[in-house]
C-alpha cells in the first residue's frame, strides 16, 4: 500500500489481507476480484461469506445456511461464555 493514511491501519492488516487472498477474494497485488466483490455484499466476516457463495455454487445453500446459523447462535455464545469464565 503506497499511500498515506489519515489514520494508520491496524497492525494486523497484512494478516487480514492474507486471509482474503487465501479465500480467493484478492488478486496477487491486493485488489478485489469478482469473488471478493460478491463477498463484500454479505454483512458478515469473509469466511462465512465465502462459505455461503460456495454453497450456492455447489447447490447446497440450505445445508450451508444451517451450519452458518448454528455457528452464530450456538458456537459464538458458547465461546464467549467459556472465555469469560477464564
C-alpha atoms as a PDB file:
ATOM      1  CA  UNK A   1       0.000   0.000   0.000  1.00  0.00           C
ATOM      2  CA  UNK A   2       1.746   3.094  -1.238  1.00  0.00           C
ATOM      3  CA  UNK A   3      -0.411   5.949   0.034  1.00  0.00           C
ATOM      4  CA  UNK A   4      -0.622   7.981   3.206  1.00  0.00           C
ATOM      5  CA  UNK A   5      -3.384   7.073   5.628  1.00  0.00           C
ATOM      6  CA  UNK A   6      -5.352   9.625   7.634  1.00  0.00           C
ATOM      7  CA  UNK A   7      -5.255   7.058  10.426  1.00  0.00           C
ATOM      8  CA  UNK A   8      -2.731   4.254  10.174  1.00  0.00           C
ATOM      9  CA  UNK A   9      -4.214   0.804   9.525  1.00  0.00           C
ATOM     10  CA  UNK A  10      -4.243  -1.758  12.302  1.00  0.00           C
ATOM     11  CA  UNK A  11      -1.038  -3.724  12.692  1.00  0.00           C
ATOM     12  CA  UNK A  12      -2.745  -6.890  11.560  1.00  0.00           C
ATOM     13  CA  UNK A  13      -3.903  -5.529   8.182  1.00  0.00           C
ATOM     14  CA  UNK A  14      -1.429  -7.767   6.367  1.00  0.00           C
ATOM     15  CA  UNK A  15      -2.861 -10.777   8.188  1.00  0.00           C
ATOM     16  CA  UNK A  16      -6.360  -9.720   7.154  1.00  0.00           C
ATOM     17  CA  UNK A  17      -5.287  -9.221   3.545  1.00  0.00           C
ATOM     18  CA  UNK A  18      -3.577 -12.620   3.626  1.00  0.00           C
ATOM     19  CA  UNK A  19      -6.835 -14.192   4.811  1.00  0.00           C
ATOM     20  CA  UNK A  20      -8.726 -12.530   1.959  1.00  0.00           C
ATOM     21  CA  UNK A  21      -6.121 -13.751  -0.522  1.00  0.00           C
ATOM     22  CA  UNK A  22      -6.339 -17.319   0.821  1.00  0.00           C
ATOM     23  CA  UNK A  23     -10.138 -17.165   0.468  1.00  0.00           C
ATOM     24  CA  UNK A  24      -9.712 -16.133  -3.164  1.00  0.00           C
ATOM     25  CA  UNK A  25     -11.073 -12.594  -2.726  1.00  0.00           C
ATOM     26  CA  UNK A  26      -7.876 -10.759  -3.755  1.00  0.00           C
ATOM     27  CA  UNK A  27      -5.535 -10.931  -6.688  1.00  0.00           C
ATOM     28  CA  UNK A  28      -1.754 -11.086  -6.236  1.00  0.00           C
ATOM     29  CA  UNK A  29      -1.423  -7.301  -5.911  1.00  0.00           C
ATOM     30  CA  UNK A  30      -4.136  -6.932  -3.254  1.00  0.00           C
ATOM     31  CA  UNK A  31      -7.074  -5.865  -5.421  1.00  0.00           C
ATOM     32  CA  UNK A  32     -10.549  -7.338  -5.032  1.00  0.00           C
ATOM     33  CA  UNK A  33     -11.550  -9.775  -7.752  1.00  0.00           C
ATOM     34  CA  UNK A  34     -15.143 -10.695  -8.681  1.00  0.00           C
ATOM     35  CA  UNK A  35     -15.450 -13.169  -5.808  1.00  0.00           C
ATOM     36  CA  UNK A  36     -14.181 -10.534  -3.379  1.00  0.00           C
ATOM     37  CA  UNK A  37     -16.764  -8.018  -4.560  1.00  0.00           C
ATOM     38  CA  UNK A  38     -19.509 -10.611  -4.053  1.00  0.00           C
ATOM     39  CA  UNK A  39     -18.191 -11.356  -0.556  1.00  0.00           C
ATOM     40  CA  UNK A  40     -18.338  -7.641   0.309  1.00  0.00           C
ATOM     41  CA  UNK A  41     -22.106  -7.669  -0.226  1.00  0.00           C
ATOM     42  CA  UNK A  42     -22.580 -10.000   2.757  1.00  0.00           C
ATOM     43  CA  UNK A  43     -22.763  -8.319   6.144  1.00  0.00           C
ATOM     44  CA  UNK A  44     -20.540 -10.912   7.742  1.00  0.00           C
ATOM     45  CA  UNK A  45     -16.908 -11.902   8.085  1.00  0.00           C
ATOM     46  CA  UNK A  46     -15.120 -13.111   4.951  1.00  0.00           C
ATOM     47  CA  UNK A  47     -15.035 -16.880   5.729  1.00  0.00           C
ATOM     48  CA  UNK A  48     -18.820 -17.224   6.161  1.00  0.00           C
ATOM     49  CA  UNK A  49     -19.381 -15.059   3.073  1.00  0.00           C
ATOM     50  CA  UNK A  50     -17.191 -17.398   1.029  1.00  0.00           C
ATOM     51  CA  UNK A  51     -18.966 -20.396   2.567  1.00  0.00           C
ATOM     52  CA  UNK A  52     -22.379 -19.024   1.527  1.00  0.00           C
ATOM     53  CA  UNK A  53     -21.213 -18.250  -2.014  1.00  0.00           C
ATOM     54  CA  UNK A  54     -19.703 -21.719  -2.390  1.00  0.00           C
ATOM     55  CA  UNK A  55     -22.921 -23.250  -1.059  1.00  0.00           C
ATOM     56  CA  UNK A  56     -24.802 -21.554  -3.873  1.00  0.00           C
ATOM     57  CA  UNK A  57     -22.249 -22.676  -6.436  1.00  0.00           C
ATOM     58  CA  UNK A  58     -22.314 -26.292  -5.219  1.00  0.00           C
ATOM     59  CA  UNK A  59     -26.094 -26.470  -4.777  1.00  0.00           C
ATOM     60  CA  UNK A  60     -26.113 -26.895  -1.001  1.00  0.00           C
ATOM     61  CA  UNK A  61     -27.275 -23.485   0.237  1.00  0.00           C
ATOM     62  CA  UNK A  62     -29.745 -24.924   2.761  1.00  0.00           C
ATOM     63  CA  UNK A  63     -27.035 -27.020   4.411  1.00  0.00           C
ATOM     64  CA  UNK A  64     -24.620 -24.095   4.489  1.00  0.00           C
ATOM     65  CA  UNK A  65     -27.277 -21.821   5.992  1.00  0.00           C
ATOM     66  CA  UNK A  66     -27.892 -24.411   8.715  1.00  0.00           C
ATOM     67  CA  UNK A  67     -24.178 -24.528   9.549  1.00  0.00           C
ATOM     68  CA  UNK A  68     -23.972 -20.733   9.444  1.00  0.00           C
ATOM     69  CA  UNK A  69     -26.982 -20.409  11.776  1.00  0.00           C
ATOM     70  CA  UNK A  70     -25.548 -22.911  14.260  1.00  0.00           C
ATOM     71  CA  UNK A  71     -22.155 -21.206  14.256  1.00  0.00           C
ATOM     72  CA  UNK A  72     -23.705 -17.808  15.048  1.00  0.00           C
ATOM     73  CA  UNK A  73     -26.349 -18.840  17.558  1.00  0.00           C
ATOM     74  CA  UNK A  74     -24.652 -21.757  19.333  1.00  0.00           C
ATOM     75  CA  UNK A  75     -20.876 -21.704  18.990  1.00  0.00           C
ATOM     76  CA  UNK A  76     -20.200 -17.960  19.313  1.00  0.00           C
ATOM     77  CA  UNK A  77     -22.217 -17.505  22.526  1.00  0.00           C
ATOM     78  CA  UNK A  78     -20.695 -20.684  23.950  1.00  0.00           C
ATOM     79  CA  UNK A  79     -17.197 -19.492  23.087  1.00  0.00           C
ATOM     80  CA  UNK A  80     -17.930 -16.116  24.677  1.00  0.00           C
ATOM     81  CA  UNK A  81     -19.190 -17.849  27.812  1.00  0.00           C
ATOM     82  CA  UNK A  82     -16.154 -20.098  28.031  1.00  0.00           C
ATOM     83  CA  UNK A  83     -13.660 -17.266  27.513  1.00  0.00           C
ATOM     84  CA  UNK A  84     -15.463 -15.120  30.113  1.00  0.00           C
ATOM     85  CA  UNK A  85     -15.074 -17.886  32.701  1.00  0.00           C
ATOM     86  CA  UNK A  86     -11.291 -17.990  32.259  1.00  0.00           C
END
